Amino acid sequence: MALVTVRTASERLGVGYSTLKRWVHTGAVRTTRTEGGHHRIADAEIERLLARQQPDARDRAAVPDNDESLAGLSARNRLHGFIDEVRIDGLLAQVRLRVGDQSLTAVITADAVRALKLRRGDDALAIVKSTEVMIARGGAVRDKPTKRQARQAR
């Protein structure tokens, strides 16, 4: 598997360097990182992107260019990524989606996986609809009191 720099890949794809960097940072392009933290793109990924740029007529008819097929959904939290793993066990399936440098795992029916023909490496869209969202602060828990707690203690 040959790896190339983002600049070389952008030239091969015929897009600007900054455009390809944006795609990398949004998770639209799969990369490998060097020890120094630089992104490298595999030839296979470049081929995948080239194929998406020039779809044949069959593919254009099957896949809408925008989210018109989802226009009737009230969910607005849509995460674009690609499928890292699909595991089917009985009636249920576990699908792990990579969104940027994060992973999202969904448990759906095995029938849905088969109907959508989900496979590792496919582009996918996670649609999140929830009545409850929890937020946590990353990193260590603070030991010192907040400003409000400090004021109340006075």
Protein backbone atom coordinates (compact mmCIF):
# COMPACT_ATOMS: atom_id res chain seq x y z
CA MET A 1 0.00 0.00 0.00
CA ALA A 2 1.69 3.18 -1.22
CA LEU A 3 1.13 6.34 0.81
CA VAL A 4 1.46 9.85 -0.60
CA THR A 5 1.43 13.33 0.88
CA VAL A 6 -1.72 15.45 0.91
CA ARG A 7 -0.15 17.79 -1.67
CA THR A 8 0.62 14.92 -4.06
CA ALA A 9 -2.87 13.47 -3.56
CA SER A 10 -4.49 16.86 -4.26
CA GLU A 11 -2.59 17.09 -7.55
CA ARG A 12 -3.68 13.57 -8.56
CA LEU A 13 -7.29 14.35 -7.65
CA GLY A 14 -7.26 17.72 -9.40
CA VAL A 15 -8.41 19.63 -6.32
CA GLY A 16 -6.74 22.35 -4.29
CA TYR A 17 -4.45 21.48 -1.39
CA SER A 18 -6.62 23.43 1.07
CA THR A 19 -9.74 21.62 -0.18
CA LEU A 20 -8.19 18.21 0.39
CA LYS A 21 -6.93 19.26 3.85
CA ARG A 22 -10.48 20.34 4.74
CA TRP A 23 -11.78 16.94 3.56
CA VAL A 24 -9.15 15.23 5.73
CA HIS A 25 -10.07 17.25 8.81
CA THR A 26 -13.82 16.65 8.35
CA GLY A 27 -13.26 12.90 7.98
CA ALA A 28 -14.31 12.68 4.33
CA VAL A 29 -10.89 11.28 3.41
CA ARG A 30 -9.26 8.37 5.19
CA THR A 31 -5.63 8.95 6.10
CA THR A 32 -2.75 7.40 7.96
CA ARG A 33 -0.69 9.55 10.30
CA THR A 34 3.09 9.51 10.45
CA GLU A 35 4.93 9.56 13.76
CA GLY A 36 5.29 13.31 13.27
CA GLY A 37 1.50 13.71 12.90
CA HIS A 38 1.46 14.30 9.13
CA HIS A 39 -1.37 12.85 7.07
CA ARG A 40 -0.61 10.35 4.33
CA ILE A 41 -3.19 9.09 1.84
CA ALA A 42 -3.22 5.58 0.38
CA ASP A 43 -3.47 4.99 -3.37
CA ALA A 44 -6.66 3.01 -2.77
CA GLU A 45 -8.25 6.04 -1.07
CA ILE A 46 -7.28 8.26 -3.99
CA GLU A 47 -8.89 5.73 -6.35
CA ARG A 48 -12.06 5.76 -4.22
CA LEU A 49 -12.20 9.55 -4.38
CA LEU A 50 -11.59 9.58 -8.14
CA ALA A 51 -14.42 7.09 -8.61
CA ARG A 52 -16.75 9.35 -6.63
CA GLN A 53 -15.81 12.36 -8.75
CA GLN A 54 -16.78 10.57 -11.98
CA PRO A 55 -19.74 8.31 -11.22
CA ASP A 56 -21.35 6.54 -14.14
CA ALA A 57 -25.00 7.10 -15.06
CA ARG A 58 -26.17 4.05 -13.06
CA ASP A 59 -24.71 5.42 -9.83
CA ARG A 60 -26.10 8.91 -10.40
CA ALA A 61 -29.62 7.54 -10.71
CA ALA A 62 -29.29 5.40 -7.57
CA VAL A 63 -27.75 7.97 -5.22
CA PRO A 64 -29.16 11.49 -4.91
CA ASP A 65 -26.61 14.33 -4.97
CA ASN A 66 -28.12 16.00 -1.92
CA ASP A 67 -30.21 15.07 1.11
CA GLU A 68 -33.56 15.25 -0.74
CA SER A 69 -34.28 11.63 0.21
CA LEU A 70 -33.96 12.66 3.87
CA ALA A 71 -35.88 15.93 3.55
CA GLY A 72 -38.92 14.49 5.33
CA LEU A 73 -36.96 13.61 8.47
CA SER A 74 -37.12 15.97 11.42
CA ALA A 75 -33.65 14.94 12.64
CA ARG A 76 -31.07 17.60 11.88
CA ASN A 77 -28.05 16.00 13.55
CA ARG A 78 -26.47 14.21 10.61
CA LEU A 79 -22.92 12.91 10.83
CA HIS A 80 -21.16 11.96 7.60
CA GLY A 81 -18.50 9.25 7.80
CA PHE A 82 -17.56 5.81 6.59
CA ILE A 83 -18.17 2.34 7.94
CA ASP A 84 -15.29 0.86 9.93
CA GLU A 85 -16.98 -2.40 10.90
CA VAL A 86 -20.23 -4.33 10.53
CA ARG A 87 -21.00 -7.27 12.85
CA ILE A 88 -24.19 -9.29 12.49
CA ASP A 89 -25.34 -11.59 15.27
CA GLY A 90 -28.82 -13.05 14.96
CA LEU A 91 -31.48 -10.36 14.61
CA LEU A 92 -29.19 -7.45 15.48
CA ALA A 93 -26.14 -5.86 13.91
CA GLN A 94 -23.49 -3.52 15.25
CA VAL A 95 -22.25 -0.86 12.83
CA ARG A 96 -19.21 1.24 13.71
CA LEU A 97 -19.01 4.49 11.76
CA ARG A 98 -15.89 6.66 11.63
CA VAL A 99 -16.63 10.37 11.67
CA GLY A 100 -13.38 12.29 11.46
CA ASP A 101 -11.13 10.88 14.16
CA GLN A 102 -14.11 9.70 16.26
CA SER A 103 -16.10 6.45 16.17
CA LEU A 104 -19.84 6.12 16.53
CA THR A 105 -21.43 2.72 17.18
CA ALA A 106 -25.05 1.95 16.32
CA VAL A 107 -27.04 -1.21 16.99
CA ILE A 108 -29.63 -1.77 14.27
CA THR A 109 -31.48 -4.78 12.91
CA ALA A 110 -29.63 -7.28 10.74
CA ASP A 111 -32.42 -6.82 8.16
CA ALA A 112 -31.59 -3.10 7.95
CA VAL A 113 -27.91 -3.87 7.32
CA ARG A 114 -28.88 -6.25 4.53
CA ALA A 115 -31.45 -3.86 3.02
CA LEU A 116 -28.95 -0.96 3.03
CA LYS A 117 -26.17 -3.30 1.86
CA LEU A 118 -23.80 -1.82 4.44
CA ARG A 119 -20.20 -2.90 3.99
CA ARG A 120 -16.88 -1.90 5.55
CA GLY A 121 -15.47 1.15 3.74
CA ASP A 122 -18.85 2.42 2.50
CA ASP A 123 -19.77 6.05 3.01
CA ALA A 124 -22.64 6.39 5.46
CA LEU A 125 -24.71 8.91 7.33
CA ALA A 126 -25.59 8.64 11.02
CA ILE A 127 -28.78 10.48 11.88
CA VAL A 128 -29.14 11.23 15.57
CA LYS A 129 -32.56 11.89 17.05
CA SER A 130 -32.79 11.97 20.79
CA THR A 131 -34.79 13.62 23.50
CA GLU A 132 -31.77 13.63 25.79
CA VAL A 133 -28.17 14.58 25.08
CA MET A 134 -25.45 14.41 27.70
CA ILE A 135 -22.29 16.51 27.52
CA ALA A 136 -19.09 15.76 29.41
CA ARG A 137 -15.93 17.76 29.72
CA GLY A 138 -12.89 16.01 28.29
CA GLY A 139 -9.77 15.51 30.40
CA ALA A 140 -9.36 15.43 34.14
CA VAL A 141 -12.10 16.43 36.55
CA ARG A 142 -11.52 19.80 38.17
CA ASP A 143 -10.48 19.69 41.82
CA LYS A 144 -10.66 23.42 42.40
CA PRO A 145 -14.05 25.07 42.96
CA THR A 146 -15.76 27.00 40.18
CA LYS A 147 -15.97 30.81 40.41
CA ARG A 148 -19.61 30.53 41.46
CA GLN A 149 -18.76 28.05 44.24
CA ALA A 150 -15.96 30.32 45.43
CA ARG A 151 -18.34 33.33 45.59
CA GLN A 152 -20.94 31.34 47.52
CA ALA A 153 -18.33 30.20 50.04
CA ARG A 154 -17.43 33.82 50.92
